[in-house]
Amino acid sequence: MIKQIFLLLLLFFSSDKSICQTSLEYSNRGIAKMNQNNFDGAIEEFTKAIKEYPKSAYAYFLRGITKANKQEIEDGLIDINYAIKLNPIYIEAIVGRGSIYADRKQFDLAFKDFNKALSIDSTNSEAYAN
């Protein structure tokens, strides 16, 4: 729900709403492909979304998570880090990166990310769960 509100606000305040809408459409197609475990197809759609709207932290985050699901961890982290650079308070990206760090047993980095997410939103259940 929060993602949907954020995306609507992003679309509303964008100077070129058609570009954001097209990027969002590519992202939605990428999510559908990711849900079908078609990771290569999903990455293609997220890449199209990024080309359409290079400031889309959402598309970078989704592409990064998809790459991580393909075990392309380093490439996934590059995208997630860029998503966080574009939007330093993007909680889902921060928690997602923290989860990757935890899976890699890089607990100090994971702990920093989960704490950062909690400092942004102390009610974030994902950060507490990790």
C-alpha atoms as a PDB file:
ATOM      1  CA  MET A   1       0.000   0.000   0.000  1.00  0.00           C
ATOM      2  CA  ILE A   2       2.785   2.420   0.909  1.00  0.00           C
ATOM      3  CA  LYS A   3       4.555   1.640  -2.371  1.00  0.00           C
ATOM      4  CA  GLN A   4       1.384   2.389  -4.301  1.00  0.00           C
ATOM      5  CA  ILE A   5       0.925   5.723  -2.524  1.00  0.00           C
ATOM      6  CA  PHE A   6       4.557   6.616  -3.140  1.00  0.00           C
ATOM      7  CA  LEU A   7       4.230   5.759  -6.828  1.00  0.00           C
ATOM      8  CA  LEU A   8       1.068   7.807  -7.165  1.00  0.00           C
ATOM      9  CA  LEU A   9       2.774  10.791  -5.545  1.00  0.00           C
ATOM     10  CA  LEU A  10       5.775  10.308  -7.788  1.00  0.00           C
ATOM     11  CA  LEU A  11       3.543  10.279 -10.833  1.00  0.00           C
ATOM     12  CA  PHE A  12       1.581  13.306  -9.655  1.00  0.00           C
ATOM     13  CA  PHE A  13       4.599  15.492  -8.944  1.00  0.00           C
ATOM     14  CA  SER A  14       6.566  14.411 -11.993  1.00  0.00           C
ATOM     15  CA  SER A  15       7.108  17.054 -14.619  1.00  0.00           C
ATOM     16  CA  ASP A  16       6.499  14.493 -17.333  1.00  0.00           C
ATOM     17  CA  LYS A  17       3.815  12.128 -16.150  1.00  0.00           C
ATOM     18  CA  SER A  18       3.779  10.069 -19.334  1.00  0.00           C
ATOM     19  CA  ILE A  19       7.418   9.066 -18.841  1.00  0.00           C
ATOM     20  CA  CYS A  20       6.747   7.967 -15.260  1.00  0.00           C
ATOM     21  CA  GLN A  21       3.625   6.103 -16.334  1.00  0.00           C
ATOM     22  CA  THR A  22       5.532   4.201 -19.009  1.00  0.00           C
ATOM     23  CA  SER A  23       8.294   3.386 -16.505  1.00  0.00           C
ATOM     24  CA  LEU A  24       5.689   2.148 -14.050  1.00  0.00           C
ATOM     25  CA  GLU A  25       4.109  -0.033 -16.733  1.00  0.00           C
ATOM     26  CA  TYR A  26       7.486  -1.642 -17.468  1.00  0.00           C
ATOM     27  CA  SER A  27       8.025  -2.149 -13.733  1.00  0.00           C
ATOM     28  CA  ASN A  28       4.628  -3.800 -13.359  1.00  0.00           C
ATOM     29  CA  ARG A  29       5.411  -6.152 -16.258  1.00  0.00           C
ATOM     30  CA  GLY A  30       8.734  -6.917 -14.605  1.00  0.00           C
ATOM     31  CA  ILE A  31       7.009  -7.765 -11.327  1.00  0.00           C
ATOM     32  CA  ALA A  32       4.655 -10.127 -13.170  1.00  0.00           C
ATOM     33  CA  LYS A  33       7.610 -11.862 -14.814  1.00  0.00           C
ATOM     34  CA  MET A  34       9.497 -12.027 -11.526  1.00  0.00           C
ATOM     35  CA  ASN A  35       6.462 -13.679  -9.906  1.00  0.00           C
ATOM     36  CA  GLN A  36       6.607 -16.306 -12.679  1.00  0.00           C
ATOM     37  CA  ASN A  37      10.322 -16.876 -11.893  1.00  0.00           C
ATOM     38  CA  ASN A  38      11.182 -15.402 -15.294  1.00  0.00           C
ATOM     39  CA  PHE A  39      14.084 -13.438 -13.842  1.00  0.00           C
ATOM     40  CA  ASP A  40      15.743 -12.626 -17.158  1.00  0.00           C
ATOM     41  CA  GLY A  41      12.484 -11.269 -18.547  1.00  0.00           C
ATOM     42  CA  ALA A  42      11.899  -9.282 -15.370  1.00  0.00           C
ATOM     43  CA  ILE A  43      15.371  -7.742 -15.545  1.00  0.00           C
ATOM     44  CA  GLU A  44      14.689  -6.714 -19.153  1.00  0.00           C
ATOM     45  CA  GLU A  45      11.468  -4.963 -18.110  1.00  0.00           C
ATOM     46  CA  PHE A  46      13.104  -3.198 -15.161  1.00  0.00           C
ATOM     47  CA  THR A  47      15.940  -2.079 -17.431  1.00  0.00           C
ATOM     48  CA  LYS A  48      13.369  -0.605 -19.832  1.00  0.00           C
ATOM     49  CA  ALA A  49      11.752   1.181 -16.872  1.00  0.00           C
ATOM     50  CA  ILE A  50      15.118   2.639 -15.890  1.00  0.00           C
ATOM     51  CA  LYS A  51      15.841   3.769 -19.448  1.00  0.00           C
ATOM     52  CA  GLU A  52      12.436   5.450 -19.535  1.00  0.00           C
ATOM     53  CA  TYR A  53      12.891   7.112 -16.135  1.00  0.00           C
ATOM     54  CA  PRO A  54      16.510   6.957 -14.883  1.00  0.00           C
ATOM     55  CA  LYS A  55      15.574   8.468 -11.505  1.00  0.00           C
ATOM     56  CA  SER A  56      13.292   5.561 -10.605  1.00  0.00           C
ATOM     57  CA  ALA A  57      14.607   4.197  -7.318  1.00  0.00           C
ATOM     58  CA  TYR A  58      11.736   1.716  -7.484  1.00  0.00           C
ATOM     59  CA  ALA A  59      12.911   0.196 -10.795  1.00  0.00           C
ATOM     60  CA  TYR A  60      16.534   0.020  -9.611  1.00  0.00           C
ATOM     61  CA  PHE A  61      15.435  -1.691  -6.399  1.00  0.00           C
ATOM     62  CA  LEU A  62      13.274  -4.224  -8.245  1.00  0.00           C
ATOM     63  CA  ARG A  63      16.030  -4.997 -10.729  1.00  0.00           C
ATOM     64  CA  GLY A  64      18.498  -5.399  -7.873  1.00  0.00           C
ATOM     65  CA  ILE A  65      16.268  -7.801  -5.955  1.00  0.00           C
ATOM     66  CA  THR A  66      15.674  -9.792  -9.127  1.00  0.00           C
ATOM     67  CA  LYS A  67      19.404 -10.041  -9.797  1.00  0.00           C
ATOM     68  CA  ALA A  68      19.914 -11.192  -6.206  1.00  0.00           C
ATOM     69  CA  ASN A  69      17.244 -13.868  -6.751  1.00  0.00           C
ATOM     70  CA  LYS A  70      19.304 -15.044  -9.747  1.00  0.00           C
ATOM     71  CA  GLN A  71      22.328 -15.274  -7.419  1.00  0.00           C
ATOM     72  CA  GLU A  72      23.895 -12.252  -9.135  1.00  0.00           C
ATOM     73  CA  ILE A  73      24.385 -10.764  -5.686  1.00  0.00           C
ATOM     74  CA  GLU A  74      27.061  -8.165  -6.451  1.00  0.00           C
ATOM     75  CA  ASP A  75      25.156  -6.788  -9.446  1.00  0.00           C
ATOM     76  CA  GLY A  76      21.988  -6.771  -7.380  1.00  0.00           C
ATOM     77  CA  LEU A  77      23.670  -4.808  -4.607  1.00  0.00           C
ATOM     78  CA  ILE A  78      24.894  -2.240  -7.134  1.00  0.00           C
ATOM     79  CA  ASP A  79      21.308  -1.595  -8.225  1.00  0.00           C
ATOM     80  CA  ILE A  80      19.950  -1.534  -4.677  1.00  0.00           C
ATOM     81  CA  ASN A  81      22.713   0.832  -3.564  1.00  0.00           C
ATOM     82  CA  TYR A  82      21.826   3.134  -6.442  1.00  0.00           C
ATOM     83  CA  ALA A  83      18.147   2.999  -5.496  1.00  0.00           C
ATOM     84  CA  ILE A  84      19.110   4.098  -1.986  1.00  0.00           C
ATOM     85  CA  LYS A  85      21.310   6.858  -3.426  1.00  0.00           C
ATOM     86  CA  LEU A  86      18.324   8.125  -5.416  1.00  0.00           C
ATOM     87  CA  ASN A  87      16.035   7.868  -2.385  1.00  0.00           C
ATOM     88  CA  PRO A  88      17.963   7.696   0.910  1.00  0.00           C
ATOM     89  CA  ILE A  89      14.797   6.940   2.900  1.00  0.00           C
ATOM     90  CA  TYR A  90      13.574   4.090   0.686  1.00  0.00           C
ATOM     91  CA  ILE A  91      12.878   1.648   3.501  1.00  0.00           C
ATOM     92  CA  GLU A  92      12.149  -1.398   1.325  1.00  0.00           C
ATOM     93  CA  ALA A  93      15.502  -0.992  -0.423  1.00  0.00           C
ATOM     94  CA  ILE A  94      17.360  -0.508   2.863  1.00  0.00           C
ATOM     95  CA  VAL A  95      15.721  -3.573   4.431  1.00  0.00           C
ATOM     96  CA  GLY A  96      16.234  -5.570   1.227  1.00  0.00           C
ATOM     97  CA  ARG A  97      19.936  -4.747   1.224  1.00  0.00           C
ATOM     98  CA  GLY A  98      20.130  -5.619   4.907  1.00  0.00           C
ATOM     99  CA  SER A  99      18.541  -8.999   4.196  1.00  0.00           C
ATOM    100  CA  ILE A 100      21.110  -9.694   1.489  1.00  0.00           C
ATOM    101  CA  TYR A 101      23.890  -8.768   3.900  1.00  0.00           C
ATOM    102  CA  ALA A 102      22.394 -11.033   6.571  1.00  0.00           C
ATOM    103  CA  ASP A 103      22.198 -13.937   4.086  1.00  0.00           C
ATOM    104  CA  ARG A 104      25.874 -13.349   3.331  1.00  0.00           C
ATOM    105  CA  LYS A 105      26.625 -13.367   7.067  1.00  0.00           C
ATOM    106  CA  GLN A 106      27.726  -9.728   6.894  1.00  0.00           C
ATOM    107  CA  PHE A 107      25.870  -9.042  10.105  1.00  0.00           C
ATOM    108  CA  ASP A 108      27.501  -5.695  10.881  1.00  0.00           C
ATOM    109  CA  LEU A 109      26.269  -4.257   7.569  1.00  0.00           C
ATOM    110  CA  ALA A 110      22.861  -5.910   7.975  1.00  0.00           C
ATOM    111  CA  PHE A 111      22.518  -4.470  11.476  1.00  0.00           C
ATOM    112  CA  LYS A 112      23.315  -0.962  10.185  1.00  0.00           C
ATOM    113  CA  ASP A 113      20.667  -1.225   7.478  1.00  0.00           C
ATOM    114  CA  PHE A 114      17.981  -2.558   9.815  1.00  0.00           C
ATOM    115  CA  ASN A 115      18.751   0.179  12.329  1.00  0.00           C
ATOM    116  CA  LYS A 116      18.637   2.792   9.575  1.00  0.00           C
ATOM    117  CA  ALA A 117      15.241   1.509   8.462  1.00  0.00           C
ATOM    118  CA  LEU A 118      13.978   1.667  12.053  1.00  0.00           C
ATOM    119  CA  SER A 119      15.309   5.206  12.449  1.00  0.00           C
ATOM    120  CA  ILE A 120      13.223   6.201   9.420  1.00  0.00           C
ATOM    121  CA  ASP A 121      10.137   4.276  10.520  1.00  0.00           C
ATOM    122  CA  SER A 122      10.199   2.747  13.993  1.00  0.00           C
ATOM    123  CA  THR A 123       7.083   0.704  13.197  1.00  0.00           C
ATOM    124  CA  ASN A 124       8.665  -1.119  10.246  1.00  0.00           C
ATOM    125  CA  SER A 125       7.963  -4.780  10.972  1.00  0.00           C
ATOM    126  CA  GLU A 126      10.369  -6.035   8.283  1.00  0.00           C
ATOM    127  CA  ALA A 127      13.309  -4.372   9.994  1.00  0.00           C
ATOM    128  CA  TYR A 128      12.245  -5.782  13.371  1.00  0.00           C
ATOM    129  CA  ALA A 129      11.817  -9.276  11.910  1.00  0.00           C
ATOM    130  CA  ASN A 130      15.405  -9.304  10.729  1.00  0.00           C
END
